[in-house]
């Protein structure tokens, strides 16, 4: 049993990683903080000796599930890891010999006051470089999400003969929200295929074949987990690259 404690800053409650996370994701977030090493530890990874630093852990989806306790699913853990990585909270690399999870800025969050002051006194040049790097990453994410949003809406329009636009606020909000949770284009495609097969021939339900219904947070995952056999029709849509 591991002794000790971690710091949980009140500022966390105002960040997207907390405010926009589900209860399951919040539980996984805190579990990862508790599982991370607080001091260097030697492990074997990728068949070689590896020094696991503070804020890192070599683990597995099953181990995280066991540590998180009742009510946590493997799919929920996989989705959370991808979402936390998209939000630049951690990095996550999986191999046959284990999954390396690294909490970004662990030292800033968990170090003592002396170390925090030392971090704050770094040269302005380094801080500016870090800010510029973050701006580049953010621009890349925005452009990537816009490309995927366009791709998803084109697929939906092709399936039902509609003319929905990818640049509306509501559409971007719903799709970007699901992308931040770790869902891929194939997940959106599956939901579209399934609901088109179920609703397109139903005059009462056809009106719900729209982005706000298909991709909203409260319904998307439940649609994705529905049986898929009935809509395995061959698609004539050519994916964009």
Protein backbone atom coordinates (compact mmCIF):
# COMPACT_ATOMS: atom_id res chain seq x y z
CA UNK A 1 0.00 0.00 0.00
CA UNK A 2 1.37 3.42 -0.99
CA UNK A 3 1.55 6.06 1.72
CA UNK A 4 1.70 9.83 1.35
CA UNK A 5 -0.54 12.40 -0.25
CA UNK A 6 -1.01 14.55 -3.36
CA UNK A 7 -1.97 18.19 -3.82
CA UNK A 8 -5.27 19.04 -5.47
CA UNK A 9 -5.34 22.75 -6.26
CA UNK A 10 -8.67 24.59 -6.03
CA UNK A 11 -7.97 26.17 -9.43
CA UNK A 12 -8.69 22.76 -10.97
CA UNK A 13 -12.44 23.29 -10.55
CA UNK A 14 -12.35 26.22 -13.00
CA UNK A 15 -10.52 24.33 -15.75
CA UNK A 16 -12.14 22.54 -18.69
CA UNK A 17 -10.54 19.26 -17.69
CA UNK A 18 -12.73 19.34 -14.55
CA UNK A 19 -15.80 21.38 -15.49
CA UNK A 20 -16.43 19.53 -18.75
CA UNK A 21 -15.56 16.04 -17.50
CA UNK A 22 -18.06 13.37 -16.53
CA UNK A 23 -18.06 11.95 -12.98
CA UNK A 24 -16.26 8.87 -14.34
CA UNK A 25 -13.56 11.01 -15.96
CA UNK A 26 -13.06 13.02 -12.75
CA UNK A 27 -12.62 9.80 -10.79
CA UNK A 28 -10.06 8.56 -13.32
CA UNK A 29 -8.26 11.92 -13.19
CA UNK A 30 -7.79 11.77 -9.43
CA UNK A 31 -6.84 8.08 -9.60
CA UNK A 32 -4.05 8.89 -12.07
CA UNK A 33 -2.74 11.63 -9.78
CA UNK A 34 -2.64 9.16 -6.89
CA UNK A 35 -0.99 6.45 -8.98
CA UNK A 36 1.83 8.65 -10.32
CA UNK A 37 5.26 8.17 -8.76
CA UNK A 38 6.25 10.81 -6.20
CA UNK A 39 9.93 9.84 -6.43
CA UNK A 40 12.11 8.16 -9.10
CA UNK A 41 11.57 4.43 -9.43
CA UNK A 42 13.34 1.90 -11.64
CA UNK A 43 11.16 -0.20 -13.96
CA UNK A 44 11.53 -2.40 -17.00
CA UNK A 45 9.87 -0.93 -20.08
CA UNK A 46 10.22 -1.87 -23.75
CA UNK A 47 12.50 -4.65 -22.59
CA UNK A 48 15.03 -2.27 -21.03
CA UNK A 49 15.77 -0.71 -17.67
CA UNK A 50 13.80 2.51 -17.34
CA UNK A 51 13.85 5.23 -14.68
CA UNK A 52 10.27 6.27 -14.02
CA UNK A 53 10.36 9.87 -12.80
CA UNK A 54 7.98 11.70 -10.45
CA UNK A 55 4.68 12.28 -12.22
CA UNK A 56 5.11 9.17 -14.36
CA UNK A 57 3.77 5.63 -14.08
CA UNK A 58 4.02 2.43 -16.08
CA UNK A 59 0.62 0.84 -15.82
CA UNK A 60 -2.22 -0.71 -17.86
CA UNK A 61 -5.90 -0.03 -18.48
CA UNK A 62 -6.75 -2.96 -16.21
CA UNK A 63 -4.57 -1.61 -13.37
CA UNK A 64 -6.16 1.84 -13.62
CA UNK A 65 -9.61 0.22 -13.56
CA UNK A 66 -8.71 -1.75 -10.44
CA UNK A 67 -7.30 1.31 -8.67
CA UNK A 68 -10.27 3.51 -9.65
CA UNK A 69 -12.77 1.05 -8.20
CA UNK A 70 -16.42 0.28 -8.82
CA UNK A 71 -18.25 1.82 -11.77
CA UNK A 72 -15.21 2.54 -13.95
CA UNK A 73 -15.04 0.92 -17.40
CA UNK A 74 -12.08 0.14 -19.63
CA UNK A 75 -13.68 2.19 -22.43
CA UNK A 76 -14.13 5.08 -20.00
CA UNK A 77 -10.44 4.92 -19.09
CA UNK A 78 -9.37 4.78 -22.74
CA UNK A 79 -11.59 7.77 -23.58
CA UNK A 80 -10.35 9.72 -20.54
CA UNK A 81 -6.68 9.17 -21.37
CA UNK A 82 -7.21 10.43 -24.90
CA UNK A 83 -9.21 13.42 -23.67
CA UNK A 84 -6.63 14.32 -21.01
CA UNK A 85 -3.91 14.08 -23.64
CA UNK A 86 -5.85 16.38 -25.99
CA UNK A 87 -6.14 18.89 -23.12
CA UNK A 88 -2.36 18.65 -22.53
CA UNK A 89 -2.75 17.29 -19.00
CA UNK A 90 -0.75 14.13 -19.72
CA UNK A 91 1.01 12.08 -22.36
CA UNK A 92 0.13 8.46 -22.88
CA UNK A 93 2.21 5.84 -24.72
CA UNK A 94 1.14 2.21 -24.88
CA UNK A 95 3.40 -0.74 -25.73
CA UNK A 96 3.28 -4.51 -25.27
CA UNK A 97 5.21 -4.15 -22.01
CA UNK A 98 3.03 -1.49 -20.40
CA UNK A 99 1.51 1.94 -20.74
CA UNK A 100 3.67 4.95 -19.85
CA UNK A 101 1.57 7.84 -18.52
CA UNK A 102 3.28 11.16 -17.77
CA UNK A 103 1.47 13.96 -15.95
CA UNK A 104 2.58 17.18 -17.66
CA UNK A 105 3.88 19.87 -15.27
CA UNK A 106 3.73 17.42 -12.36
CA UNK A 107 6.55 19.22 -10.57
CA UNK A 108 4.74 22.55 -10.77
CA UNK A 109 1.60 21.04 -9.23
CA UNK A 110 3.14 18.80 -6.57
CA UNK A 111 6.52 20.26 -5.61
CA UNK A 112 7.13 22.20 -2.40
CA UNK A 113 7.01 26.00 -2.21
CA UNK A 114 10.76 26.37 -2.69
CA UNK A 115 10.66 24.42 -5.95
CA UNK A 116 7.61 26.35 -7.12
CA UNK A 117 9.42 29.64 -6.55
CA UNK A 118 12.39 28.30 -8.47
CA UNK A 119 10.11 27.38 -11.37
CA UNK A 120 8.62 30.88 -11.37
CA UNK A 121 12.09 32.44 -11.63
CA UNK A 122 13.01 30.79 -14.92
CA UNK A 123 14.24 33.18 -17.67
CA UNK A 124 11.61 35.08 -19.62
CA UNK A 125 13.04 33.59 -22.81
CA UNK A 126 12.07 30.08 -21.72
CA UNK A 127 8.58 31.20 -20.70
CA UNK A 128 8.10 32.94 -24.05
CA UNK A 129 9.27 29.83 -25.91
CA UNK A 130 6.83 27.65 -23.98
CA UNK A 131 4.00 30.08 -24.73
CA UNK A 132 4.84 30.12 -28.44
CA UNK A 133 5.01 26.31 -28.51
CA UNK A 134 1.59 26.14 -26.86
CA UNK A 135 0.16 28.62 -29.38
CA UNK A 136 1.45 26.46 -32.23
CA UNK A 137 -0.11 23.33 -30.67
CA UNK A 138 -3.41 25.13 -30.10
CA UNK A 139 -3.48 26.36 -33.72
CA UNK A 140 -2.80 22.80 -34.92
CA UNK A 141 -5.66 21.42 -32.78
CA UNK A 142 -8.10 24.09 -34.03
CA UNK A 143 -7.20 23.42 -37.67
CA UNK A 144 -7.36 19.65 -37.19
CA UNK A 145 -10.77 19.87 -35.50
CA UNK A 146 -12.13 22.13 -38.25
CA UNK A 147 -10.94 19.63 -40.87
CA UNK A 148 -12.64 16.77 -39.01
CA UNK A 149 -15.83 18.79 -38.47
CA UNK A 150 -16.02 19.48 -42.21
CA UNK A 151 -15.36 15.83 -42.96
CA UNK A 152 -18.08 14.66 -40.54
CA UNK A 153 -20.71 17.10 -41.82
CA UNK A 154 -19.91 16.20 -45.44
CA UNK A 155 -20.46 12.55 -44.57
CA UNK A 156 -23.80 13.32 -42.88
CA UNK A 157 -24.96 15.50 -45.80
CA UNK A 158 -23.98 12.78 -48.27
CA UNK A 159 -25.97 10.15 -46.36
CA UNK A 160 -29.22 12.11 -46.01
CA UNK A 161 -29.06 14.68 -48.82
CA UNK A 162 -28.94 17.66 -46.45
CA UNK A 163 -26.93 20.88 -46.51
CA UNK A 164 -25.76 21.31 -42.93
CA UNK A 165 -22.80 23.68 -42.50
CA UNK A 166 -19.70 22.72 -40.49
CA UNK A 167 -18.98 26.30 -39.37
CA UNK A 168 -22.03 27.00 -37.18
CA UNK A 169 -21.42 27.52 -33.46
CA UNK A 170 -23.71 24.69 -32.31
CA UNK A 171 -22.26 22.15 -34.74
CA UNK A 172 -18.67 22.99 -33.81
CA UNK A 173 -19.52 22.92 -30.11
CA UNK A 174 -20.98 19.41 -30.24
CA UNK A 175 -18.34 17.92 -32.55
CA UNK A 176 -15.37 19.57 -30.80
CA UNK A 177 -16.74 18.37 -27.48
CA UNK A 178 -16.77 14.77 -28.66
CA UNK A 179 -13.32 15.12 -30.28
CA UNK A 180 -11.96 16.42 -26.96
CA UNK A 181 -13.35 13.28 -25.30
CA UNK A 182 -11.24 11.15 -27.64
CA UNK A 183 -13.80 10.06 -30.23
CA UNK A 184 -12.57 9.53 -33.81
CA UNK A 185 -14.07 10.08 -37.26
CA UNK A 186 -14.99 6.39 -37.39
CA UNK A 187 -17.13 6.86 -34.24
CA UNK A 188 -19.08 9.74 -35.83
CA UNK A 189 -19.46 7.70 -39.03
CA UNK A 190 -20.85 4.76 -37.06
CA UNK A 191 -23.42 6.94 -35.28
CA UNK A 192 -24.51 8.52 -38.59
CA UNK A 193 -24.81 5.13 -40.30
CA UNK A 194 -26.78 3.65 -37.42
CA UNK A 195 -29.28 6.47 -36.98
CA UNK A 196 -29.75 6.92 -40.75
CA UNK A 197 -30.61 3.22 -40.99
CA UNK A 198 -33.10 3.60 -38.12
CA UNK A 199 -34.65 7.00 -38.82
CA UNK A 200 -34.38 7.91 -42.50
CA UNK A 201 -37.47 5.91 -43.44
CA UNK A 202 -39.48 7.16 -40.44
CA UNK A 203 -41.24 10.46 -41.16
CA UNK A 204 -41.44 11.31 -37.44
CA UNK A 205 -37.79 10.56 -36.67
CA UNK A 206 -36.12 11.78 -39.88
CA UNK A 207 -36.11 15.35 -38.55
CA UNK A 208 -33.66 14.27 -35.81
CA UNK A 209 -30.96 13.43 -38.36
CA UNK A 210 -29.11 16.65 -37.58
CA UNK A 211 -25.78 17.47 -35.87
CA UNK A 212 -27.32 18.81 -32.64
CA UNK A 213 -29.18 15.53 -32.07
CA UNK A 214 -26.61 13.04 -33.30
CA UNK A 215 -23.47 14.49 -31.70
CA UNK A 216 -24.61 16.00 -28.39
CA UNK A 217 -22.96 14.82 -25.18
CA UNK A 218 -26.03 13.24 -23.59
CA UNK A 219 -26.78 10.88 -26.51
CA UNK A 220 -23.62 10.30 -28.56
CA UNK A 221 -22.08 7.50 -26.47
CA UNK A 222 -25.39 5.66 -26.11
CA UNK A 223 -25.89 5.79 -29.90
CA UNK A 224 -22.34 4.54 -30.39
CA UNK A 225 -22.96 1.53 -28.14
CA UNK A 226 -26.16 0.43 -29.90
CA UNK A 227 -26.10 -2.80 -31.95
CA UNK A 228 -24.63 -2.04 -35.34
CA UNK A 229 -25.53 -5.07 -37.47
CA UNK A 230 -28.56 -3.50 -39.17
CA UNK A 231 -26.61 -0.66 -40.78
CA UNK A 232 -23.60 -2.39 -42.28
CA UNK A 233 -24.55 -1.14 -45.74
CA UNK A 234 -21.73 -0.48 -48.16
CA UNK A 235 -20.83 3.22 -48.14
CA UNK A 236 -20.16 4.98 -51.44
CA UNK A 237 -18.59 7.93 -49.60
CA UNK A 238 -14.90 8.57 -50.27
CA UNK A 239 -13.15 9.79 -47.13
CA UNK A 240 -11.12 12.97 -47.23
CA UNK A 241 -7.44 12.86 -46.39
